[in-house]
C-alpha cells in the first residue's frame, strides 16, 4: 500500500490551547485550557465520495484503513493501493484507490453518510443494514479476572491525548505477555476504534490474539467493528446497550463491561473468563 501525503504541514494539530474565563469559588479569572481539535474528514474511493466524519486529525492512515475495513469496503489493508491525504480550509480529504473488483460491490450498496462525532450508523439506506449480524469470532483467548484488571489498569496511563485534554475516547489492543500493543484516541469513540482496527491491520497484527479495551459505552457498532478485527473479548469502562449484548452473543464474543478497578460484569460468553466454580454459579 503506497501512502502519498499532500499538504501534510497544513494539517491541524490534535490539540488547541484556548483562552477562556474560569470561575473559582465565585471569582472569575482568565485562564487557558488544552482542548482536542475536531475536523471534517472526507473519505473517497476512486474519486467517489463515501463519508464525511468529524474526528481528531491524527493517525489518518489508520483511520482510512480501519473505516474501509469496518465498512466492508475492502477485505484487507492491501486492497488500498494508494492513499492521498489532502488538507484544505474546509477539512481533510482521504483519497483512496481500490481495485475495481472491490469498487463494484461497494458501488452497488453505496451509502452516503454525514457523520457527527460519535455516530456510527448515520445515513444508512435500510433498517436491515443497521442490524446486520457481526462477523463470527473464533475461540480466542481464555483469561483470568486478573488479566482484565491488569489490561484496564494500563489503559489510562497510555492515553496521552486524554491526559492533556480530558475530552477524548480511546480504543486499545492488549496482548498477553506484551500488554498494550496499540492505542488510538479520538473525540469520537467509533473513530478511535476504527483507527485501532486500521493500525493493527497495517501492522498485520492478528486480532484473535488479544483483547479490545474501550473507554466508552458499548453500542452495537462497537461490537461489529471489534468482530471485524477478530477479537473474541471486548472490555469497556461503561455499560453496553441491549442490542450490543444480543449481537455479541450471536457472534460468539465475550462482552465485558462496567470494568472499573477489580470489578466488571460479563454480558455474553463468560466461558473465556476463567473464574472459580463458586464465582460462576453465584453470578449466573
Protein backbone atom coordinates (compact mmCIF):
# COMPACT_ATOMS: atom_id res chain seq x y z
CA UNK A 1 0.00 0.00 0.00
CA UNK A 2 1.58 3.28 -1.10
CA UNK A 3 0.67 6.29 1.02
CA UNK A 4 1.22 9.64 -0.73
CA UNK A 5 0.64 12.57 1.63
CA UNK A 6 -0.26 16.01 0.31
CA UNK A 7 -0.14 19.27 2.30
CA UNK A 8 0.77 17.43 5.49
CA UNK A 9 2.42 20.55 7.04
CA UNK A 10 -1.00 22.24 6.90
CA UNK A 11 -2.81 19.54 8.87
CA UNK A 12 -4.32 20.94 12.07
CA UNK A 13 -2.84 19.92 15.39
CA UNK A 14 -4.74 17.43 17.52
CA UNK A 15 -4.84 19.84 20.46
CA UNK A 16 -5.55 23.57 20.66
CA UNK A 17 -4.76 25.93 23.53
CA UNK A 18 -7.69 28.25 24.19
CA UNK A 19 -8.06 31.30 26.38
CA UNK A 20 -11.18 31.23 28.50
CA UNK A 21 -12.73 32.54 31.69
CA UNK A 22 -12.62 30.38 34.81
CA UNK A 23 -14.86 30.58 37.86
CA UNK A 24 -13.21 29.56 41.12
CA UNK A 25 -15.13 29.93 44.39
CA UNK A 26 -17.26 32.67 42.87
CA UNK A 27 -14.33 34.58 41.39
CA UNK A 28 -13.81 34.96 37.63
CA UNK A 29 -10.31 34.89 36.21
CA UNK A 30 -8.58 34.48 32.85
CA UNK A 31 -7.20 31.09 32.03
CA UNK A 32 -6.07 28.74 29.27
CA UNK A 33 -7.00 25.15 28.57
CA UNK A 34 -5.95 22.48 26.10
CA UNK A 35 -8.90 21.06 24.16
CA UNK A 36 -9.00 18.46 21.37
CA UNK A 37 -9.34 19.59 17.78
CA UNK A 38 -12.29 18.41 15.70
CA UNK A 39 -12.04 18.39 11.91
CA UNK A 40 -14.24 17.35 8.98
CA UNK A 41 -12.62 14.35 7.30
CA UNK A 42 -13.93 13.12 3.95
CA UNK A 43 -13.42 9.58 2.65
CA UNK A 44 -13.39 8.96 -1.10
CA UNK A 45 -12.79 5.78 -3.10
CA UNK A 46 -11.67 6.01 -6.72
CA UNK A 47 -12.92 9.64 -6.62
CA UNK A 48 -16.37 8.56 -5.38
CA UNK A 49 -17.45 10.25 -2.14
CA UNK A 50 -18.37 7.92 0.71
CA UNK A 51 -18.48 9.74 4.05
CA UNK A 52 -17.65 12.88 5.98
CA UNK A 53 -16.82 12.28 9.63
CA UNK A 54 -15.95 14.72 12.40
CA UNK A 55 -12.78 13.44 14.02
CA UNK A 56 -9.45 14.22 15.62
CA UNK A 57 -6.95 14.95 12.80
CA UNK A 58 -4.40 12.32 13.86
CA UNK A 59 -3.48 8.79 12.75
CA UNK A 60 -5.23 9.42 9.44
CA UNK A 61 -3.64 6.47 7.62
CA UNK A 62 -5.02 4.19 10.34
CA UNK A 63 -8.42 5.92 10.13
CA UNK A 64 -8.61 5.46 6.36
CA UNK A 65 -7.67 1.79 6.59
CA UNK A 66 -9.80 0.98 9.62
CA UNK A 67 -13.02 2.58 8.39
CA UNK A 68 -12.54 0.92 5.00
CA UNK A 69 -12.35 -2.45 6.76
CA UNK A 70 -15.19 -1.96 9.23
CA UNK A 71 -17.45 -0.63 6.46
CA UNK A 72 -16.56 -3.78 4.43
CA UNK A 73 -15.36 -1.65 1.51
CA UNK A 74 -12.10 -3.61 1.45
CA UNK A 75 -11.15 -7.04 2.79
CA UNK A 76 -7.58 -6.20 3.78
CA UNK A 77 -5.27 -3.22 4.12
CA UNK A 78 -3.53 -4.32 0.93
CA UNK A 79 -6.72 -3.63 -1.05
CA UNK A 80 -5.97 0.10 -0.68
CA UNK A 81 -3.40 0.65 -3.40
CA UNK A 82 -2.91 4.35 -2.73
CA UNK A 83 -3.91 6.97 -0.18
CA UNK A 84 -3.59 10.72 -0.58
CA UNK A 85 -4.12 12.99 2.41
CA UNK A 86 -5.24 16.40 1.18
CA UNK A 87 -5.74 19.32 3.54
CA UNK A 88 -7.86 22.37 2.75
CA UNK A 89 -9.55 25.25 4.55
CA UNK A 90 -12.69 23.11 4.85
CA UNK A 91 -11.11 19.98 6.30
CA UNK A 92 -9.15 16.93 5.23
CA UNK A 93 -9.83 14.53 2.38
CA UNK A 94 -8.62 10.94 2.44
CA UNK A 95 -8.46 9.91 -1.21
CA UNK A 96 -8.15 6.17 -1.63
CA UNK A 97 -7.83 3.93 -4.66
CA UNK A 98 -9.07 0.35 -4.51
CA UNK A 99 -9.33 -2.40 -7.15
CA UNK A 100 -12.34 -2.31 -9.46
CA UNK A 101 -13.26 -5.76 -8.17
CA UNK A 102 -13.84 -4.16 -4.75
CA UNK A 103 -15.35 -0.98 -6.16
CA UNK A 104 -18.19 -2.73 -7.98
CA UNK A 105 -19.90 -4.30 -4.93
CA UNK A 106 -19.26 -1.11 -2.98
CA UNK A 107 -20.98 0.97 -5.63
CA UNK A 108 -23.95 -1.38 -5.61
CA UNK A 109 -24.61 -0.79 -1.92
CA UNK A 110 -23.10 2.67 -1.66
CA UNK A 111 -24.31 4.77 1.21
CA UNK A 112 -23.64 8.43 1.82
CA UNK A 113 -23.24 9.48 5.41
CA UNK A 114 -22.51 12.78 7.12
CA UNK A 115 -21.32 11.58 10.47
CA UNK A 116 -21.40 13.77 13.55
CA UNK A 117 -18.87 12.91 16.22
CA UNK A 118 -19.62 9.59 17.86
CA UNK A 119 -22.13 8.48 15.22
CA UNK A 120 -21.59 5.05 13.73
CA UNK A 121 -24.73 4.32 11.76
CA UNK A 122 -25.57 7.65 10.11
CA UNK A 123 -27.11 7.72 6.65
CA UNK A 124 -27.55 4.02 6.00
CA UNK A 125 -30.19 3.15 3.44
CA UNK A 126 -32.09 0.32 5.14
CA UNK A 127 -33.04 -0.96 8.57
CA UNK A 128 -31.63 -4.37 7.69
CA UNK A 129 -28.19 -2.84 7.14
CA UNK A 130 -28.35 -1.19 10.56
CA UNK A 131 -28.99 -4.55 12.23
CA UNK A 132 -26.61 -6.63 10.13
CA UNK A 133 -25.07 -9.56 12.07
CA UNK A 134 -21.48 -9.24 13.21
CA UNK A 135 -18.77 -11.48 11.81
CA UNK A 136 -18.43 -14.69 13.83
CA UNK A 137 -15.33 -14.69 16.05
CA UNK A 138 -13.12 -17.68 16.80
CA UNK A 139 -12.28 -19.46 20.05
CA UNK A 140 -9.85 -16.72 21.04
CA UNK A 141 -8.34 -16.34 24.48
CA UNK A 142 -9.25 -17.67 27.89
CA UNK A 143 -8.14 -15.33 30.67
CA UNK A 144 -8.34 -14.91 34.42
CA UNK A 145 -10.15 -11.97 36.06
CA UNK A 146 -6.75 -10.55 36.99
CA UNK A 147 -5.97 -10.22 33.29
CA UNK A 148 -8.98 -7.92 32.83
CA UNK A 149 -7.88 -5.81 35.79
CA UNK A 150 -4.31 -5.58 34.52
CA UNK A 151 -5.32 -4.67 30.98
CA UNK A 152 -7.75 -1.94 32.04
CA UNK A 153 -5.29 -0.53 34.57
CA UNK A 154 -2.80 0.01 31.74
CA UNK A 155 -5.31 1.93 29.63
CA UNK A 156 -5.49 5.31 31.36
CA UNK A 157 -1.72 5.91 31.70
CA UNK A 158 -1.31 5.26 27.95
CA UNK A 159 -3.87 7.90 26.92
CA UNK A 160 -1.53 10.80 26.13
CA UNK A 161 -4.13 12.97 24.36
CA UNK A 162 -6.71 12.47 27.07
CA UNK A 163 -4.12 13.33 29.71
CA UNK A 164 -3.82 16.73 28.04
CA UNK A 165 -7.49 17.38 27.36
CA UNK A 166 -9.68 15.02 29.45
CA UNK A 167 -12.05 15.01 26.48
CA UNK A 168 -11.32 12.08 24.13
CA UNK A 169 -12.13 8.40 23.86
CA UNK A 170 -9.60 5.59 23.49
CA UNK A 171 -9.57 2.12 21.97
CA UNK A 172 -6.63 -0.17 22.72
CA UNK A 173 -5.44 -3.69 21.95
CA UNK A 174 -3.89 -5.72 24.74
CA UNK A 175 -1.94 -8.95 24.28
CA UNK A 176 -0.77 -11.46 26.90
CA UNK A 177 2.91 -11.05 27.81
CA UNK A 178 3.05 -7.82 25.77
CA UNK A 179 0.47 -5.52 27.30
CA UNK A 180 -1.00 -2.73 25.20
CA UNK A 181 0.46 -3.01 21.70
CA UNK A 182 -1.68 -0.29 20.09
CA UNK A 183 -3.87 2.56 21.33
CA UNK A 184 -5.74 5.23 19.38
CA UNK A 185 -7.61 8.27 20.69
CA UNK A 186 -10.29 10.45 19.13
CA UNK A 187 -13.14 12.78 20.00
CA UNK A 188 -15.43 10.05 18.61
CA UNK A 189 -15.46 6.59 20.16
CA UNK A 190 -16.25 4.93 16.82
CA UNK A 191 -13.36 6.81 15.23
CA UNK A 192 -10.95 5.64 17.92
CA UNK A 193 -11.92 2.02 17.29
CA UNK A 194 -11.69 2.43 13.50
CA UNK A 195 -8.19 3.87 13.95
CA UNK A 196 -7.23 0.92 16.15
CA UNK A 197 -8.51 -1.56 13.57
CA UNK A 198 -6.51 0.24 10.88
CA UNK A 199 -3.35 0.33 12.97
CA UNK A 200 -3.46 -3.41 13.64
CA UNK A 201 -4.28 -4.22 10.02
CA UNK A 202 -1.41 -2.12 8.69
CA UNK A 203 0.96 -3.82 11.16
CA UNK A 204 -0.53 -7.25 10.35
CA UNK A 205 -1.34 -7.99 13.99
CA UNK A 206 -3.84 -10.82 14.42
CA UNK A 207 -6.85 -9.55 16.37
CA UNK A 208 -7.71 -13.02 17.67
CA UNK A 209 -4.67 -12.97 19.94
CA UNK A 210 -5.72 -10.14 22.21
CA UNK A 211 -8.39 -8.09 23.95
CA UNK A 212 -10.00 -4.84 22.77
CA UNK A 213 -10.29 -2.20 25.50
CA UNK A 214 -12.67 0.78 25.32
CA UNK A 215 -13.10 3.86 27.49
CA UNK A 216 -16.68 4.31 26.28
CA UNK A 217 -20.04 2.61 26.43
CA UNK A 218 -20.65 -0.31 24.06
CA UNK A 219 -23.20 0.23 21.32
CA UNK A 220 -23.84 -2.30 18.59
CA UNK A 221 -21.37 -0.73 16.13
CA UNK A 222 -18.53 -1.21 18.61
CA UNK A 223 -19.27 -4.94 18.72
CA UNK A 224 -19.49 -5.12 14.92
CA UNK A 225 -16.17 -3.30 14.47
CA UNK A 226 -14.45 -5.49 17.08
CA UNK A 227 -15.73 -8.59 15.29
CA UNK A 228 -14.18 -7.34 12.03
CA UNK A 229 -10.90 -7.21 13.90
CA UNK A 230 -11.38 -10.82 15.01
CA UNK A 231 -11.04 -10.19 18.75
CA UNK A 232 -13.09 -12.56 20.91
CA UNK A 233 -13.06 -10.42 24.08
CA UNK A 234 -14.23 -6.81 24.31
CA UNK A 235 -13.84 -4.92 27.59
CA UNK A 236 -15.33 -1.47 28.24
CA UNK A 237 -15.49 1.00 31.10
CA UNK A 238 -19.20 1.73 30.63
CA UNK A 239 -22.33 -0.32 30.08
CA UNK A 240 -23.50 -1.92 26.82
CA UNK A 241 -26.80 -1.50 25.05
CA UNK A 242 -29.18 -4.43 24.93
CA UNK A 243 -28.68 -4.75 21.16
CA UNK A 244 -24.91 -4.81 21.60
CA UNK A 245 -25.28 -7.72 24.02
CA UNK A 246 -27.52 -9.64 21.62
CA UNK A 247 -25.11 -9.14 18.73
CA UNK A 248 -22.11 -10.14 20.89
CA UNK A 249 -23.96 -13.29 21.97
CA UNK A 250 -24.81 -14.15 18.37
CA UNK A 251 -21.28 -13.69 17.03
CA UNK A 252 -19.59 -15.59 19.87
CA UNK A 253 -17.90 -12.60 21.51
CA UNK A 254 -17.28 -12.24 25.24
CA UNK A 255 -18.55 -8.79 26.20
CA UNK A 256 -17.21 -7.43 29.48
CA UNK A 257 -18.41 -4.02 30.62
CA UNK A 258 -18.53 -1.68 33.61
CA UNK A 259 -14.90 -2.66 34.16
CA UNK A 260 -13.63 -0.44 36.95
CA UNK A 261 -10.89 -1.37 39.37
CA UNK A 262 -11.17 -5.07 40.09
CA UNK A 263 -14.88 -5.21 39.31
CA UNK A 264 -16.53 -5.98 35.98
CA UNK A 265 -19.66 -7.60 34.56
CA UNK A 266 -19.77 -10.26 31.83
CA UNK A 267 -22.75 -9.95 29.47
CA UNK A 268 -22.05 -12.72 26.94
CA UNK A 269 -19.99 -15.92 26.62
CA UNK A 270 -18.46 -15.94 30.14
CA UNK A 271 -16.58 -19.17 29.41
CA UNK A 272 -13.50 -17.19 28.33
CA UNK A 273 -13.11 -15.65 31.79
CA UNK A 274 -11.55 -18.42 33.86
CA UNK A 275 -13.15 -17.72 37.24
CA UNK A 276 -13.68 -20.25 40.02
CA UNK A 277 -16.69 -22.53 40.08
CA UNK A 278 -18.32 -20.73 43.04
CA UNK A 279 -18.00 -17.35 41.32
CA UNK A 280 -19.64 -18.67 38.17
CA UNK A 281 -22.56 -20.24 39.96
CA UNK A 282 -23.13 -17.12 42.05
CA UNK A 283 -23.29 -14.83 39.02
CA UNK A 284 -25.45 -16.97 36.70
